[in-house]
Amino acid sequence: MGYEDFVYFMLCEEDKSTVQSLNYWFRVIDLDDNQIITPQEMDYFYEEQLHRLEYLNHEPILFVDLLCQMNDMIKPKGTEGHFHLSHL
């Protein structure tokens, strides 16, 4: 990672409310680069968070419950659980 990439990463990490940050993190999570974040892609990243919660002796939240909450909040058009950048 070069200096410019590092600075861009830090800016996106610090302030997640900007359009640039949203685009950056969307691309990170969209593993197959098809412009859709699927439940499988989200679950891939959630597994790490689940391990952290278990390590810290916190009660884990089931991924299916988390996905249901996201569907309720975002109300994606088309297939439930499939989020496009425009939905966010």
PDB file of N, CA and C in Angstrom:
ATOM      1  N   MET A   1       0.856  -1.170   0.000  1.00  0.00           N
ATOM      2  CA  MET A   1       0.000   0.000   0.000  1.00  0.00           C
ATOM      3  C   MET A   1       0.899   1.229   0.000  1.00  0.00           C
ATOM      4  N   GLY A   2       0.687   2.058  -0.997  1.00  0.00           N
ATOM      5  CA  GLY A   2       1.465   3.283  -1.094  1.00  0.00           C
ATOM      6  C   GLY A   2       0.912   4.364  -0.174  1.00  0.00           C
ATOM      7  N   TYR A   3       1.620   5.479  -0.126  1.00  0.00           N
ATOM      8  CA  TYR A   3       1.235   6.583   0.748  1.00  0.00           C
ATOM      9  C   TYR A   3      -0.152   7.128   0.401  1.00  0.00           C
ATOM     10  N   GLU A   4      -0.399   7.349  -0.897  1.00  0.00           N
ATOM     11  CA  GLU A   4      -1.701   7.887  -1.302  1.00  0.00           C
ATOM     12  C   GLU A   4      -2.837   6.932  -0.954  1.00  0.00           C
ATOM     13  N   ASP A   5      -2.626   5.625  -1.161  1.00  0.00           N
ATOM     14  CA  ASP A   5      -3.638   4.633  -0.800  1.00  0.00           C
ATOM     15  C   ASP A   5      -3.881   4.633   0.704  1.00  0.00           C
ATOM     16  N   PHE A   6      -2.802   4.765   1.476  1.00  0.00           N
ATOM     17  CA  PHE A   6      -2.934   4.783   2.929  1.00  0.00           C
ATOM     18  C   PHE A   6      -3.726   6.000   3.394  1.00  0.00           C
ATOM     19  N   VAL A   7      -3.430   7.157   2.827  1.00  0.00           N
ATOM     20  CA  VAL A   7      -4.148   8.378   3.201  1.00  0.00           C
ATOM     21  C   VAL A   7      -5.622   8.245   2.845  1.00  0.00           C
ATOM     22  N   TYR A   8      -5.927   7.728   1.663  1.00  0.00           N
ATOM     23  CA  TYR A   8      -7.316   7.537   1.242  1.00  0.00           C
ATOM     24  C   TYR A   8      -8.030   6.572   2.194  1.00  0.00           C
ATOM     25  N   PHE A   9      -7.351   5.480   2.551  1.00  0.00           N
ATOM     26  CA  PHE A   9      -7.916   4.522   3.499  1.00  0.00           C
ATOM     27  C   PHE A   9      -8.211   5.192   4.835  1.00  0.00           C
ATOM     28  N   MET A  10      -7.258   5.956   5.355  1.00  0.00           N
ATOM     29  CA  MET A  10      -7.442   6.606   6.662  1.00  0.00           C
ATOM     30  C   MET A  10      -8.596   7.608   6.626  1.00  0.00           C
ATOM     31  N   LEU A  11      -8.705   8.359   5.552  1.00  0.00           N
ATOM     32  CA  LEU A  11      -9.812   9.317   5.435  1.00  0.00           C
ATOM     33  C   LEU A  11     -11.156   8.598   5.407  1.00  0.00           C
ATOM     34  N   CYS A  12     -11.223   7.494   4.678  1.00  0.00           N
ATOM     35  CA  CYS A  12     -12.465   6.719   4.601  1.00  0.00           C
ATOM     36  C   CYS A  12     -12.780   6.036   5.923  1.00  0.00           C
ATOM     37  N   GLU A  13     -11.760   5.648   6.664  1.00  0.00           N
ATOM     38  CA  GLU A  13     -11.950   5.003   7.963  1.00  0.00           C
ATOM     39  C   GLU A  13     -12.428   6.011   9.007  1.00  0.00           C
ATOM     40  N   GLU A  14     -11.876   7.200   8.975  1.00  0.00           N
ATOM     41  CA  GLU A  14     -12.204   8.214   9.982  1.00  0.00           C
ATOM     42  C   GLU A  14     -13.609   8.779   9.820  1.00  0.00           C
ATOM     43  N   ASP A  15     -14.000   9.082   8.603  1.00  0.00           N
ATOM     44  CA  ASP A  15     -15.302   9.713   8.360  1.00  0.00           C
ATOM     45  C   ASP A  15     -16.081   8.878   7.359  1.00  0.00           C
ATOM     46  N   LYS A  16     -16.925   7.993   7.870  1.00  0.00           N
ATOM     47  CA  LYS A  16     -17.671   7.078   7.010  1.00  0.00           C
ATOM     48  C   LYS A  16     -18.941   7.706   6.431  1.00  0.00           C
ATOM     49  N   SER A  17     -19.132   9.008   6.675  1.00  0.00           N
ATOM     50  CA  SER A  17     -20.344   9.663   6.195  1.00  0.00           C
ATOM     51  C   SER A  17     -20.168  10.301   4.822  1.00  0.00           C
ATOM     52  N   THR A  18     -18.969  10.288   4.266  1.00  0.00           N
ATOM     53  CA  THR A  18     -18.746  10.915   2.965  1.00  0.00           C
ATOM     54  C   THR A  18     -19.079   9.943   1.835  1.00  0.00           C
ATOM     55  N   VAL A  19     -19.348  10.498   0.672  1.00  0.00           N
ATOM     56  CA  VAL A  19     -19.629   9.683  -0.509  1.00  0.00           C
ATOM     57  C   VAL A  19     -18.409   8.839  -0.860  1.00  0.00           C
ATOM     58  N   GLN A  20     -17.215   9.425  -0.759  1.00  0.00           N
ATOM     59  CA  GLN A  20     -15.993   8.695  -1.070  1.00  0.00           C
ATOM     60  C   GLN A  20     -15.825   7.494  -0.142  1.00  0.00           C
ATOM     61  N   SER A  21     -16.118   7.691   1.119  1.00  0.00           N
ATOM     62  CA  SER A  21     -16.002   6.609   2.093  1.00  0.00           C
ATOM     63  C   SER A  21     -17.016   5.502   1.797  1.00  0.00           C
ATOM     64  N   LEU A  22     -18.232   5.885   1.501  1.00  0.00           N
ATOM     65  CA  LEU A  22     -19.268   4.899   1.175  1.00  0.00           C
ATOM     66  C   LEU A  22     -18.865   4.077  -0.045  1.00  0.00           C
ATOM     67  N   ASN A  23     -18.362   4.751  -1.069  1.00  0.00           N
ATOM     68  CA  ASN A  23     -17.897   4.043  -2.270  1.00  0.00           C
ATOM     69  C   ASN A  23     -16.746   3.111  -1.941  1.00  0.00           C
ATOM     70  N   TYR A  24     -15.807   3.576  -1.136  1.00  0.00           N
ATOM     71  CA  TYR A  24     -14.641   2.775  -0.774  1.00  0.00           C
ATOM     72  C   TYR A  24     -15.055   1.491  -0.052  1.00  0.00           C
ATOM     73  N   TRP A  25     -15.861   1.630   1.005  1.00  0.00           N
ATOM     74  CA  TRP A  25     -16.244   0.453   1.800  1.00  0.00           C
ATOM     75  C   TRP A  25     -17.185  -0.465   1.037  1.00  0.00           C
ATOM     76  N   PHE A  26     -18.009   0.097   0.159  1.00  0.00           N
ATOM     77  CA  PHE A  26     -18.854  -0.747  -0.680  1.00  0.00           C
ATOM     78  C   PHE A  26     -17.980  -1.643  -1.556  1.00  0.00           C
ATOM     79  N   ARG A  27     -16.939  -1.058  -2.172  1.00  0.00           N
ATOM     80  CA  ARG A  27     -16.040  -1.840  -3.026  1.00  0.00           C
ATOM     81  C   ARG A  27     -15.277  -2.896  -2.226  1.00  0.00           C
ATOM     82  N   VAL A  28     -14.949  -2.582  -0.976  1.00  0.00           N
ATOM     83  CA  VAL A  28     -14.248  -3.563  -0.133  1.00  0.00           C
ATOM     84  C   VAL A  28     -15.140  -4.776   0.113  1.00  0.00           C
ATOM     85  N   ILE A  29     -16.398  -4.542   0.427  1.00  0.00           N
ATOM     86  CA  ILE A  29     -17.309  -5.633   0.776  1.00  0.00           C
ATOM     87  C   ILE A  29     -17.811  -6.384  -0.462  1.00  0.00           C
ATOM     88  N   ASP A  30     -17.908  -5.710  -1.587  1.00  0.00           N
ATOM     89  CA  ASP A  30     -18.367  -6.336  -2.832  1.00  0.00           C
ATOM     90  C   ASP A  30     -17.234  -7.180  -3.410  1.00  0.00           C
ATOM     91  N   LEU A  31     -17.084  -8.384  -2.902  1.00  0.00           N
ATOM     92  CA  LEU A  31     -15.938  -9.235  -3.228  1.00  0.00           C
ATOM     93  C   LEU A  31     -15.871  -9.638  -4.699  1.00  0.00           C
ATOM     94  N   ASP A  32     -17.022  -9.845  -5.342  1.00  0.00           N
ATOM     95  CA  ASP A  32     -17.014 -10.279  -6.737  1.00  0.00           C
ATOM     96  C   ASP A  32     -17.175  -9.116  -7.712  1.00  0.00           C
ATOM     97  N   ASP A  33     -17.196  -7.897  -7.192  1.00  0.00           N
ATOM     98  CA  ASP A  33     -17.226  -6.674  -8.008  1.00  0.00           C
ATOM     99  C   ASP A  33     -18.388  -6.659  -8.997  1.00  0.00           C
ATOM    100  N   ASN A  34     -19.563  -7.103  -8.517  1.00  0.00           N
ATOM    101  CA  ASN A  34     -20.745  -7.106  -9.386  1.00  0.00           C
ATOM    102  C   ASN A  34     -21.727  -5.982  -9.032  1.00  0.00           C
ATOM    103  N   GLN A  35     -21.280  -5.043  -8.202  1.00  0.00           N
ATOM    104  CA  GLN A  35     -22.071  -3.877  -7.785  1.00  0.00           C
ATOM    105  C   GLN A  35     -23.254  -4.242  -6.891  1.00  0.00           C
ATOM    106  N   ILE A  36     -23.217  -5.441  -6.289  1.00  0.00           N
ATOM    107  CA  ILE A  36     -24.254  -5.886  -5.364  1.00  0.00           C
ATOM    108  C   ILE A  36     -23.571  -6.522  -4.166  1.00  0.00           C
ATOM    109  N   ILE A  37     -23.981  -6.104  -2.978  1.00  0.00           N
ATOM    110  CA  ILE A  37     -23.494  -6.772  -1.771  1.00  0.00           C
ATOM    111  C   ILE A  37     -24.536  -7.815  -1.390  1.00  0.00           C
ATOM    112  N   THR A  38     -24.119  -9.065  -1.393  1.00  0.00           N
ATOM    113  CA  THR A  38     -25.013 -10.185  -1.128  1.00  0.00           C
ATOM    114  C   THR A  38     -24.852 -10.665   0.308  1.00  0.00           C
ATOM    115  N   PRO A  39     -25.804 -11.450   0.798  1.00  0.00           N
ATOM    116  CA  PRO A  39     -25.668 -12.010   2.140  1.00  0.00           C
ATOM    117  C   PRO A  39     -24.391 -12.843   2.313  1.00  0.00           C
ATOM    118  N   GLN A  40     -23.954 -13.521   1.272  1.00  0.00           N
ATOM    119  CA  GLN A  40     -22.740 -14.325   1.370  1.00  0.00           C
ATOM    120  C   GLN A  40     -21.516 -13.442   1.602  1.00  0.00           C
ATOM    121  N   GLU A  41     -21.460 -12.302   0.935  1.00  0.00           N
ATOM    122  CA  GLU A  41     -20.340 -11.381   1.117  1.00  0.00           C
ATOM    123  C   GLU A  41     -20.369 -10.770   2.513  1.00  0.00           C
ATOM    124  N   MET A  42     -21.551 -10.404   2.973  1.00  0.00           N
ATOM    125  CA  MET A  42     -21.661  -9.838   4.314  1.00  0.00           C
ATOM    126  C   MET A  42     -21.301 -10.877   5.374  1.00  0.00           C
ATOM    127  N   ASP A  43     -21.746 -12.098   5.181  1.00  0.00           N
ATOM    128  CA  ASP A  43     -21.462 -13.164   6.143  1.00  0.00           C
ATOM    129  C   ASP A  43     -19.967 -13.442   6.230  1.00  0.00           C
ATOM    130  N   TYR A  44     -19.280 -13.337   5.111  1.00  0.00           N
ATOM    131  CA  TYR A  44     -17.836 -13.543   5.090  1.00  0.00           C
ATOM    132  C   TYR A  44     -17.145 -12.592   6.071  1.00  0.00           C
ATOM    133  N   PHE A  45     -17.545 -11.320   6.064  1.00  0.00           N
ATOM    134  CA  PHE A  45     -16.941 -10.344   6.962  1.00  0.00           C
ATOM    135  C   PHE A  45     -17.507 -10.444   8.375  1.00  0.00           C
ATOM    136  N   TYR A  46     -18.759 -10.865   8.486  1.00  0.00           N
ATOM    137  CA  TYR A  46     -19.381 -10.971   9.809  1.00  0.00           C
ATOM    138  C   TYR A  46     -18.748 -12.085  10.643  1.00  0.00           C
ATOM    139  N   GLU A  47     -18.262 -13.117  10.004  1.00  0.00           N
ATOM    140  CA  GLU A  47     -17.633 -14.228  10.731  1.00  0.00           C
ATOM    141  C   GLU A  47     -16.514 -13.727  11.643  1.00  0.00           C
ATOM    142  N   GLU A  48     -15.712 -12.807  11.151  1.00  0.00           N
ATOM    143  CA  GLU A  48     -14.619 -12.246  11.970  1.00  0.00           C
ATOM    144  C   GLU A  48     -15.177 -11.500  13.179  1.00  0.00           C
ATOM    145  N   GLN A  49     -16.232 -10.738  12.980  1.00  0.00           N
ATOM    146  CA  GLN A  49     -16.846 -10.006  14.086  1.00  0.00           C
ATOM    147  C   GLN A  49     -17.456 -10.975  15.097  1.00  0.00           C
ATOM    148  N   LEU A  50     -18.012 -12.052  14.612  1.00  0.00           N
ATOM    149  CA  LEU A  50     -18.586 -13.075  15.484  1.00  0.00           C
ATOM    150  C   LEU A  50     -17.508 -13.673  16.387  1.00  0.00           C
ATOM    151  N   HIS A  51     -16.347 -13.950  15.811  1.00  0.00           N
ATOM    152  CA  HIS A  51     -15.237 -14.488  16.607  1.00  0.00           C
ATOM    153  C   HIS A  51     -14.787 -13.486  17.657  1.00  0.00           C
ATOM    154  N   ARG A  52     -14.780 -12.207  17.307  1.00  0.00           N
ATOM    155  CA  ARG A  52     -14.401 -11.168  18.282  1.00  0.00           C
ATOM    156  C   ARG A  52     -15.398 -11.109  19.425  1.00  0.00           C
ATOM    157  N   LEU A  53     -16.681 -11.170  19.094  1.00  0.00           N
ATOM    158  CA  LEU A  53     -17.711 -11.139  20.140  1.00  0.00           C
ATOM    159  C   LEU A  53     -17.574 -12.331  21.078  1.00  0.00           C
ATOM    160  N   GLU A  54     -17.346 -13.504  20.513  1.00  0.00           N
ATOM    161  CA  GLU A  54     -17.186 -14.706  21.334  1.00  0.00           C
ATOM    162  C   GLU A  54     -15.942 -14.604  22.207  1.00  0.00           C
ATOM    163  N   TYR A  55     -14.861 -14.087  21.655  1.00  0.00           N
ATOM    164  CA  TYR A  55     -13.613 -13.930  22.401  1.00  0.00           C
ATOM    165  C   TYR A  55     -13.799 -12.992  23.592  1.00  0.00           C
ATOM    166  N   LEU A  56     -14.597 -11.947  23.403  1.00  0.00           N
ATOM    167  CA  LEU A  56     -14.839 -10.964  24.462  1.00  0.00           C
ATOM    168  C   LEU A  56     -15.998 -11.366  25.381  1.00  0.00           C
ATOM    169  N   ASN A  57     -16.509 -12.581  25.198  1.00  0.00           N
ATOM    170  CA  ASN A  57     -17.619 -13.107  25.996  1.00  0.00           C
ATOM    171  C   ASN A  57     -18.888 -12.262  25.876  1.00  0.00           C
ATOM    172  N   HIS A  58     -19.107 -11.702  24.684  1.00  0.00           N
ATOM    173  CA  HIS A  58     -20.351 -10.986  24.412  1.00  0.00           C
ATOM    174  C   HIS A  58     -21.319 -11.952  23.743  1.00  0.00           C
ATOM    175  N   GLU A  59     -22.580 -11.704  23.957  1.00  0.00           N
ATOM    176  CA  GLU A  59     -23.579 -12.556  23.312  1.00  0.00           C
ATOM    177  C   GLU A  59     -23.623 -12.245  21.821  1.00  0.00           C
ATOM    178  N   PRO A  60     -23.375 -13.219  20.977  1.00  0.00           N
ATOM    179  CA  PRO A  60     -23.361 -12.947  19.535  1.00  0.00           C
ATOM    180  C   PRO A  60     -24.767 -12.742  18.988  1.00  0.00           C
ATOM    181  N   ILE A  61     -24.844 -11.941  17.944  1.00  0.00           N
ATOM    182  CA  ILE A  61     -26.088 -11.724  17.221  1.00  0.00           C
ATOM    183  C   ILE A  61     -26.066 -12.651  16.012  1.00  0.00           C
ATOM    184  N   LEU A  62     -27.110 -13.381  15.794  1.00  0.00           N
ATOM    185  CA  LEU A  62     -27.168 -14.268  14.631  1.00  0.00           C
ATOM    186  C   LEU A  62     -27.159 -13.431  13.356  1.00  0.00           C
ATOM    187  N   PHE A  63     -26.435 -13.906  12.364  1.00  0.00           N
ATOM    188  CA  PHE A  63     -26.344 -13.171  11.101  1.00  0.00           C
ATOM    189  C   PHE A  63     -27.707 -13.002  10.462  1.00  0.00           C
ATOM    190  N   VAL A  64     -28.539 -14.007  10.539  1.00  0.00           N
ATOM    191  CA  VAL A  64     -29.874 -13.927   9.929  1.00  0.00           C
ATOM    192  C   VAL A  64     -30.688 -12.795  10.568  1.00  0.00           C
ATOM    193  N   ASP A  65     -30.516 -12.566  11.859  1.00  0.00           N
ATOM    194  CA  ASP A  65     -31.204 -11.453  12.524  1.00  0.00           C
ATOM    195  C   ASP A  65     -30.651 -10.107  12.066  1.00  0.00           C
ATOM    196  N   LEU A  66     -29.351 -10.041  11.922  1.00  0.00           N
ATOM    197  CA  LEU A  66     -28.712  -8.828  11.434  1.00  0.00           C
ATOM    198  C   LEU A  66     -29.170  -8.500  10.015  1.00  0.00           C
ATOM    199  N   LEU A  67     -29.232  -9.513   9.166  1.00  0.00           N
ATOM    200  CA  LEU A  67     -29.674  -9.329   7.789  1.00  0.00           C
ATOM    201  C   LEU A  67     -31.135  -8.865   7.743  1.00  0.00           C
ATOM    202  N   CYS A  68     -31.964  -9.412   8.603  1.00  0.00           N
ATOM    203  CA  CYS A  68     -33.371  -9.007   8.678  1.00  0.00           C
ATOM    204  C   CYS A  68     -33.478  -7.527   9.071  1.00  0.00           C
ATOM    205  N   GLN A  69     -32.675  -7.104  10.032  1.00  0.00           N
ATOM    206  CA  GLN A  69     -32.680  -5.706  10.447  1.00  0.00           C
ATOM    207  C   GLN A  69     -32.223  -4.791   9.316  1.00  0.00           C
ATOM    208  N   MET A  70     -31.211  -5.217   8.575  1.00  0.00           N
ATOM    209  CA  MET A  70     -30.729  -4.415   7.449  1.00  0.00           C
ATOM    210  C   MET A  70     -31.804  -4.298   6.370  1.00  0.00           C
ATOM    211  N   ASN A  71     -32.501  -5.397   6.083  1.00  0.00           N
ATOM    212  CA  ASN A  71     -33.588  -5.347   5.101  1.00  0.00           C
ATOM    213  C   ASN A  71     -34.678  -4.398   5.554  1.00  0.00           C
ATOM    214  N   ASP A  72     -35.002  -4.416   6.844  1.00  0.00           N
ATOM    215  CA  ASP A  72     -36.037  -3.533   7.364  1.00  0.00           C
ATOM    216  C   ASP A  72     -35.621  -2.063   7.285  1.00  0.00           C
ATOM    217  N   MET A  73     -34.338  -1.791   7.541  1.00  0.00           N
ATOM    218  CA  MET A  73     -33.867  -0.403   7.523  1.00  0.00           C
ATOM    219  C   MET A  73     -33.716   0.137   6.107  1.00  0.00           C
ATOM    220  N   ILE A  74     -33.122  -0.660   5.228  1.00  0.00           N
ATOM    221  CA  ILE A  74     -32.760  -0.171   3.896  1.00  0.00           C
ATOM    222  C   ILE A  74     -33.873  -0.395   2.883  1.00  0.00           C
ATOM    223  N   LYS A  75     -34.659  -1.453   3.069  1.00  0.00           N
ATOM    224  CA  LYS A  75     -35.734  -1.801   2.146  1.00  0.00           C
ATOM    225  C   LYS A  75     -35.236  -1.841   0.698  1.00  0.00           C
ATOM    226  N   PRO A  76     -34.339  -2.773   0.404  1.00  0.00           N
ATOM    227  CA  PRO A  76     -33.766  -2.817  -0.953  1.00  0.00           C
ATOM    228  C   PRO A  76     -34.814  -3.160  -2.001  1.00  0.00           C
ATOM    229  N   LYS A  77     -34.702  -2.506  -3.138  1.00  0.00           N
ATOM    230  CA  LYS A  77     -35.585  -2.827  -4.257  1.00  0.00           C
ATOM    231  C   LYS A  77     -35.042  -4.080  -4.927  1.00  0.00           C
ATOM    232  N   GLY A  78     -35.906  -4.970  -5.320  1.00  0.00           N
ATOM    233  CA  GLY A  78     -35.462  -6.214  -5.937  1.00  0.00           C
ATOM    234  C   GLY A  78     -35.374  -7.315  -4.899  1.00  0.00           C
ATOM    235  N   THR A  79     -34.286  -8.058  -4.898  1.00  0.00           N
ATOM    236  CA  THR A  79     -34.104  -9.204  -4.020  1.00  0.00           C
ATOM    237  C   THR A  79     -33.717  -8.758  -2.619  1.00  0.00           C
ATOM    238  N   GLU A  80     -34.444  -9.267  -1.624  1.00  0.00           N
ATOM    239  CA  GLU A  80     -34.097  -8.957  -0.242  1.00  0.00           C
ATOM    240  C   GLU A  80     -32.689  -9.437   0.060  1.00  0.00           C
ATOM    241  N   GLY A  81     -31.944  -8.633   0.805  1.00  0.00           N
ATOM    242  CA  GLY A  81     -30.597  -9.009   1.193  1.00  0.00           C
ATOM    243  C   GLY A  81     -29.541  -8.678   0.163  1.00  0.00           C
ATOM    244  N   HIS A  82     -29.950  -8.177  -0.981  1.00  0.00           N
ATOM    245  CA  HIS A  82     -29.008  -7.777  -2.026  1.00  0.00           C
ATOM    246  C   HIS A  82     -29.026  -6.251  -2.105  1.00  0.00           C
ATOM    247  N   PHE A  83     -27.910  -5.651  -1.741  1.00  0.00           N
ATOM    248  CA  PHE A  83     -27.842  -4.199  -1.619  1.00  0.00           C
ATOM    249  C   PHE A  83     -26.953  -3.606  -2.712  1.00  0.00           C
ATOM    250  N   HIS A  84     -27.498  -2.623  -3.410  1.00  0.00           N
ATOM    251  CA  HIS A  84     -26.756  -1.860  -4.411  1.00  0.00           C
ATOM    252  C   HIS A  84     -26.279  -0.581  -3.744  1.00  0.00           C
ATOM    253  N   LEU A  85     -25.296   0.040  -4.316  1.00  0.00           N
ATOM    254  CA  LEU A  85     -24.771   1.294  -3.774  1.00  0.00           C
ATOM    255  C   LEU A  85     -25.879   2.336  -3.696  1.00  0.00           C
ATOM    256  N   SER A  86     -26.777   2.355  -4.662  1.00  0.00           N
ATOM    257  CA  SER A  86     -27.867   3.334  -4.663  1.00  0.00           C
ATOM    258  C   SER A  86     -28.821   3.143  -3.487  1.00  0.00           C
ATOM    259  N   HIS A  87     -28.896   1.932  -2.924  1.00  0.00           N
ATOM    260  CA  HIS A  87     -29.747   1.703  -1.761  1.00  0.00           C
ATOM    261  C   HIS A  87     -29.198   2.392  -0.517  1.00  0.00           C
ATOM    262  N   LEU A  88     -27.894   2.591  -0.516  1.00  0.00           N
ATOM    263  CA  LEU A  88     -27.254   3.159   0.668  1.00  0.00           C
ATOM    264  C   LEU A  88     -27.161   4.670   0.563  1.00  0.00           C
TER     265      LEU A  88
END
